[in-house]
């Protein structure tokens, strides 16, 4: 476990975002399409790690490829594995092991949650809800999903990092 997780989500063009996750060993960087509600899906998946389910999956459409994140909670930690599939249109239901592993790391759930919350808040500060929707097109900014993850993180994690207030 590295303990130095970095995550960012940056809108760079209409309908496209750069998603980057890294630890001290390696990084994974993808251009994610607006064909799915990708940021909301990620926020919901990380929030799901606070419930009874120990595994959460989220798929990012890379047009045409798929980046599938598999998050496995193991006690206070999360095994993060990102699998790549050549065509999202045909990879639904295909077992994770049939994809190629493009990145993996073991991190504290609190670190993963904190990093995802900070990245989402950075997007909201940079674009606002209207600007996000204008750039992402198909979906509004996932305010409720961000608030829910933040609430769970503050309630259940012993996070010693600074927590910025949610921006409107």
C-alpha atoms as a PDB file:
ATOM      1  CA  UNK A   1       0.000   0.000   0.000  1.00  0.00           C
ATOM      2  CA  UNK A   2       1.452   3.326  -1.015  1.00  0.00           C
ATOM      3  CA  UNK A   3      -0.673   5.848   0.885  1.00  0.00           C
ATOM      4  CA  UNK A   4       0.040   8.615  -1.627  1.00  0.00           C
ATOM      5  CA  UNK A   5      -2.928   8.364  -3.953  1.00  0.00           C
ATOM      6  CA  UNK A   6      -3.534  11.126  -6.489  1.00  0.00           C
ATOM      7  CA  UNK A   7      -6.711  11.495  -8.521  1.00  0.00           C
ATOM      8  CA  UNK A   8      -7.908  14.153 -10.934  1.00  0.00           C
ATOM      9  CA  UNK A   9     -10.860  14.694 -13.234  1.00  0.00           C
ATOM     10  CA  UNK A  10     -10.536  17.519 -15.741  1.00  0.00           C
ATOM     11  CA  UNK A  11     -12.976  18.591 -18.435  1.00  0.00           C
ATOM     12  CA  UNK A  12     -10.872  19.444 -21.462  1.00  0.00           C
ATOM     13  CA  UNK A  13     -13.323  19.566 -24.353  1.00  0.00           C
ATOM     14  CA  UNK A  14     -17.041  19.317 -24.935  1.00  0.00           C
ATOM     15  CA  UNK A  15     -18.018  15.828 -23.816  1.00  0.00           C
ATOM     16  CA  UNK A  16     -14.519  14.758 -22.737  1.00  0.00           C
ATOM     17  CA  UNK A  17     -12.637  14.547 -19.461  1.00  0.00           C
ATOM     18  CA  UNK A  18      -9.166  13.406 -18.506  1.00  0.00           C
ATOM     19  CA  UNK A  19      -9.245  10.974 -15.607  1.00  0.00           C
ATOM     20  CA  UNK A  20      -5.918  10.358 -13.897  1.00  0.00           C
ATOM     21  CA  UNK A  21      -5.169   8.127 -10.936  1.00  0.00           C
ATOM     22  CA  UNK A  22      -1.669   7.496  -9.599  1.00  0.00           C
ATOM     23  CA  UNK A  23       0.308   6.226  -6.674  1.00  0.00           C
ATOM     24  CA  UNK A  24       4.055   6.287  -6.054  1.00  0.00           C
ATOM     25  CA  UNK A  25       4.568   3.339  -8.434  1.00  0.00           C
ATOM     26  CA  UNK A  26       2.496   4.120 -11.519  1.00  0.00           C
ATOM     27  CA  UNK A  27      -0.399   5.996 -13.041  1.00  0.00           C
ATOM     28  CA  UNK A  28      -3.370   5.446 -15.314  1.00  0.00           C
ATOM     29  CA  UNK A  29      -4.687   8.259 -17.490  1.00  0.00           C
ATOM     30  CA  UNK A  30      -7.756   8.023 -19.741  1.00  0.00           C
ATOM     31  CA  UNK A  31      -9.855  10.290 -21.941  1.00  0.00           C
ATOM     32  CA  UNK A  32     -13.396   9.609 -20.787  1.00  0.00           C
ATOM     33  CA  UNK A  33     -16.458  10.272 -22.950  1.00  0.00           C
ATOM     34  CA  UNK A  34     -19.763  11.804 -21.905  1.00  0.00           C
ATOM     35  CA  UNK A  35     -21.624   8.728 -23.216  1.00  0.00           C
ATOM     36  CA  UNK A  36     -22.067   7.728 -19.577  1.00  0.00           C
ATOM     37  CA  UNK A  37     -22.526   9.805 -16.435  1.00  0.00           C
ATOM     38  CA  UNK A  38     -18.949   8.888 -15.567  1.00  0.00           C
ATOM     39  CA  UNK A  39     -18.175  11.230 -12.659  1.00  0.00           C
ATOM     40  CA  UNK A  40     -21.511  10.465 -10.984  1.00  0.00           C
ATOM     41  CA  UNK A  41     -20.959   6.743 -11.523  1.00  0.00           C
ATOM     42  CA  UNK A  42     -17.557   6.963  -9.834  1.00  0.00           C
ATOM     43  CA  UNK A  43     -18.930   8.952  -6.881  1.00  0.00           C
ATOM     44  CA  UNK A  44     -21.715   6.362  -6.423  1.00  0.00           C
ATOM     45  CA  UNK A  45     -19.256   3.455  -6.663  1.00  0.00           C
ATOM     46  CA  UNK A  46     -16.929   4.909  -4.027  1.00  0.00           C
ATOM     47  CA  UNK A  47     -19.937   5.687  -1.801  1.00  0.00           C
ATOM     48  CA  UNK A  48     -21.018   2.075  -2.248  1.00  0.00           C
ATOM     49  CA  UNK A  49     -17.845   1.009  -0.440  1.00  0.00           C
ATOM     50  CA  UNK A  50     -19.478   2.280   2.768  1.00  0.00           C
ATOM     51  CA  UNK A  51     -22.369  -0.191   2.471  1.00  0.00           C
ATOM     52  CA  UNK A  52     -22.639  -3.951   2.774  1.00  0.00           C
ATOM     53  CA  UNK A  53     -21.305  -4.692  -0.714  1.00  0.00           C
ATOM     54  CA  UNK A  54     -17.554  -5.253  -0.785  1.00  0.00           C
ATOM     55  CA  UNK A  55     -17.191  -4.860  -4.576  1.00  0.00           C
ATOM     56  CA  UNK A  56     -18.126  -1.881  -6.747  1.00  0.00           C
ATOM     57  CA  UNK A  57     -17.625  -1.537 -10.488  1.00  0.00           C
ATOM     58  CA  UNK A  58     -17.735   1.515 -12.720  1.00  0.00           C
ATOM     59  CA  UNK A  59     -17.178   1.648 -16.462  1.00  0.00           C
ATOM     60  CA  UNK A  60     -15.850   4.612 -18.395  1.00  0.00           C
ATOM     61  CA  UNK A  61     -16.547   4.858 -22.113  1.00  0.00           C
ATOM     62  CA  UNK A  62     -13.330   5.711 -23.931  1.00  0.00           C
ATOM     63  CA  UNK A  63     -14.988   5.463 -27.367  1.00  0.00           C
ATOM     64  CA  UNK A  64     -14.790   2.692 -28.295  1.00  0.00           C
ATOM     65  CA  UNK A  65     -12.779   1.105 -25.473  1.00  0.00           C
ATOM     66  CA  UNK A  66     -13.944   0.554 -21.904  1.00  0.00           C
ATOM     67  CA  UNK A  67     -11.988   1.269 -18.739  1.00  0.00           C
ATOM     68  CA  UNK A  68     -13.604  -0.782 -15.978  1.00  0.00           C
ATOM     69  CA  UNK A  69     -12.729   0.087 -12.404  1.00  0.00           C
ATOM     70  CA  UNK A  70     -13.168  -2.718  -9.890  1.00  0.00           C
ATOM     71  CA  UNK A  71     -13.065  -1.542  -6.280  1.00  0.00           C
ATOM     72  CA  UNK A  72     -12.809  -4.285  -3.627  1.00  0.00           C
ATOM     73  CA  UNK A  73     -13.073  -3.279   0.008  1.00  0.00           C
ATOM     74  CA  UNK A  74     -10.872  -5.326   2.320  1.00  0.00           C
ATOM     75  CA  UNK A  75     -11.338  -4.004   5.829  1.00  0.00           C
ATOM     76  CA  UNK A  76     -10.245  -0.341   5.857  1.00  0.00           C
ATOM     77  CA  UNK A  77      -8.501  -0.696   2.472  1.00  0.00           C
ATOM     78  CA  UNK A  78      -9.610  -0.873  -1.143  1.00  0.00           C
ATOM     79  CA  UNK A  79      -7.983  -2.876  -3.912  1.00  0.00           C
ATOM     80  CA  UNK A  80      -8.342  -0.766  -7.057  1.00  0.00           C
ATOM     81  CA  UNK A  81      -7.993  -2.559 -10.397  1.00  0.00           C
ATOM     82  CA  UNK A  82      -8.574  -0.920 -13.777  1.00  0.00           C
ATOM     83  CA  UNK A  83      -9.198  -3.267 -16.697  1.00  0.00           C
ATOM     84  CA  UNK A  84      -9.234  -2.276 -20.345  1.00  0.00           C
ATOM     85  CA  UNK A  85     -11.548  -3.791 -22.940  1.00  0.00           C
ATOM     86  CA  UNK A  86     -11.244  -2.957 -26.637  1.00  0.00           C
ATOM     87  CA  UNK A  87     -14.934  -2.208 -27.291  1.00  0.00           C
ATOM     88  CA  UNK A  88     -17.432  -1.080 -24.661  1.00  0.00           C
ATOM     89  CA  UNK A  89     -20.325  -2.023 -26.951  1.00  0.00           C
ATOM     90  CA  UNK A  90     -19.476  -5.723 -26.586  1.00  0.00           C
ATOM     91  CA  UNK A  91     -17.770  -5.918 -23.169  1.00  0.00           C
ATOM     92  CA  UNK A  92     -20.938  -5.698 -21.034  1.00  0.00           C
ATOM     93  CA  UNK A  93     -21.121  -8.856 -18.954  1.00  0.00           C
ATOM     94  CA  UNK A  94     -17.608  -9.939 -19.912  1.00  0.00           C
ATOM     95  CA  UNK A  95     -15.719 -11.066 -16.766  1.00  0.00           C
ATOM     96  CA  UNK A  96     -13.109  -8.636 -15.440  1.00  0.00           C
ATOM     97  CA  UNK A  97     -10.317 -11.194 -15.922  1.00  0.00           C
ATOM     98  CA  UNK A  98     -10.892 -11.117 -19.695  1.00  0.00           C
ATOM     99  CA  UNK A  99      -9.815  -7.491 -19.837  1.00  0.00           C
ATOM    100  CA  UNK A 100      -6.203  -6.388 -19.667  1.00  0.00           C
ATOM    101  CA  UNK A 101      -5.143  -5.033 -16.291  1.00  0.00           C
ATOM    102  CA  UNK A 102      -3.891  -1.494 -16.897  1.00  0.00           C
ATOM    103  CA  UNK A 103      -3.413  -0.289 -13.304  1.00  0.00           C
ATOM    104  CA  UNK A 104      -3.820  -1.515  -9.743  1.00  0.00           C
ATOM    105  CA  UNK A 105      -3.151  -0.278  -6.252  1.00  0.00           C
ATOM    106  CA  UNK A 106      -4.187  -0.910  -2.667  1.00  0.00           C
ATOM    107  CA  UNK A 107      -5.240   2.224  -0.792  1.00  0.00           C
ATOM    108  CA  UNK A 108      -7.079   3.149   2.390  1.00  0.00           C
ATOM    109  CA  UNK A 109     -10.768   3.730   1.655  1.00  0.00           C
ATOM    110  CA  UNK A 110     -10.435   7.116   3.330  1.00  0.00           C
ATOM    111  CA  UNK A 111      -7.651   8.145   0.915  1.00  0.00           C
ATOM    112  CA  UNK A 112      -9.623   7.027  -2.150  1.00  0.00           C
ATOM    113  CA  UNK A 113     -12.773   8.793  -0.982  1.00  0.00           C
ATOM    114  CA  UNK A 114     -10.911  11.965  -0.070  1.00  0.00           C
ATOM    115  CA  UNK A 115      -9.127  12.097  -3.434  1.00  0.00           C
ATOM    116  CA  UNK A 116     -12.326  11.555  -5.423  1.00  0.00           C
ATOM    117  CA  UNK A 117     -14.210  14.160  -3.362  1.00  0.00           C
ATOM    118  CA  UNK A 118     -11.423  16.720  -3.842  1.00  0.00           C
ATOM    119  CA  UNK A 119     -11.300  16.120  -7.594  1.00  0.00           C
ATOM    120  CA  UNK A 120     -15.076  16.500  -7.957  1.00  0.00           C
ATOM    121  CA  UNK A 121     -15.038  19.683  -5.877  1.00  0.00           C
ATOM    122  CA  UNK A 122     -12.218  21.047  -8.052  1.00  0.00           C
ATOM    123  CA  UNK A 123     -14.352  20.455 -11.160  1.00  0.00           C
ATOM    124  CA  UNK A 124     -17.329  22.157  -9.521  1.00  0.00           C
ATOM    125  CA  UNK A 125     -15.217  25.158  -8.456  1.00  0.00           C
ATOM    126  CA  UNK A 126     -13.717  25.489 -11.944  1.00  0.00           C
ATOM    127  CA  UNK A 127     -16.935  25.208 -13.953  1.00  0.00           C
ATOM    128  CA  UNK A 128     -19.930  25.590 -11.639  1.00  0.00           C
ATOM    129  CA  UNK A 129     -23.013  23.461 -12.194  1.00  0.00           C
ATOM    130  CA  UNK A 130     -24.067  25.308 -15.352  1.00  0.00           C
ATOM    131  CA  UNK A 131     -20.581  25.294 -16.856  1.00  0.00           C
ATOM    132  CA  UNK A 132     -20.173  21.589 -16.130  1.00  0.00           C
ATOM    133  CA  UNK A 133     -23.466  20.762 -17.828  1.00  0.00           C
ATOM    134  CA  UNK A 134     -22.552  22.955 -20.787  1.00  0.00           C
ATOM    135  CA  UNK A 135     -19.242  21.111 -21.207  1.00  0.00           C
ATOM    136  CA  UNK A 136     -20.340  17.582 -20.287  1.00  0.00           C
ATOM    137  CA  UNK A 137     -23.600  17.983 -22.235  1.00  0.00           C
ATOM    138  CA  UNK A 138     -25.643  14.910 -21.383  1.00  0.00           C
ATOM    139  CA  UNK A 139     -25.601  15.024 -17.597  1.00  0.00           C
ATOM    140  CA  UNK A 140     -25.667  17.697 -14.884  1.00  0.00           C
ATOM    141  CA  UNK A 141     -22.987  17.938 -12.239  1.00  0.00           C
ATOM    142  CA  UNK A 142     -23.615  15.143  -9.674  1.00  0.00           C
ATOM    143  CA  UNK A 143     -24.153  17.368  -6.628  1.00  0.00           C
ATOM    144  CA  UNK A 144     -26.197  14.812  -4.659  1.00  0.00           C
ATOM    145  CA  UNK A 145     -23.670  12.032  -5.298  1.00  0.00           C
ATOM    146  CA  UNK A 146     -20.825  14.286  -4.156  1.00  0.00           C
ATOM    147  CA  UNK A 147     -22.719  15.326  -1.021  1.00  0.00           C
ATOM    148  CA  UNK A 148     -23.533  11.695  -0.211  1.00  0.00           C
ATOM    149  CA  UNK A 149     -19.931  10.508  -0.564  1.00  0.00           C
ATOM    150  CA  UNK A 150     -18.664  13.449   1.481  1.00  0.00           C
ATOM    151  CA  UNK A 151     -21.211  12.722   4.245  1.00  0.00           C
ATOM    152  CA  UNK A 152     -20.199   9.024   4.394  1.00  0.00           C
ATOM    153  CA  UNK A 153     -16.494   9.867   4.339  1.00  0.00           C
ATOM    154  CA  UNK A 154     -16.773  12.381   7.175  1.00  0.00           C
ATOM    155  CA  UNK A 155     -19.008  10.065   9.205  1.00  0.00           C
ATOM    156  CA  UNK A 156     -17.087   6.789   8.831  1.00  0.00           C
ATOM    157  CA  UNK A 157     -13.456   7.555   8.047  1.00  0.00           C
ATOM    158  CA  UNK A 158     -10.838   8.776  10.432  1.00  0.00           C
ATOM    159  CA  UNK A 159      -9.436  11.186   7.857  1.00  0.00           C
ATOM    160  CA  UNK A 160      -6.880  13.643   9.154  1.00  0.00           C
ATOM    161  CA  UNK A 161      -6.726  15.692   5.943  1.00  0.00           C
ATOM    162  CA  UNK A 162      -8.348  19.097   5.504  1.00  0.00           C
ATOM    163  CA  UNK A 163     -11.909  19.046   4.169  1.00  0.00           C
ATOM    164  CA  UNK A 164     -12.921  22.056   2.111  1.00  0.00           C
ATOM    165  CA  UNK A 165     -16.570  23.029   2.368  1.00  0.00           C
ATOM    166  CA  UNK A 166     -18.752  22.061  -0.579  1.00  0.00           C
ATOM    167  CA  UNK A 167     -18.954  24.820  -3.119  1.00  0.00           C
ATOM    168  CA  UNK A 168     -22.351  25.823  -4.519  1.00  0.00           C
END
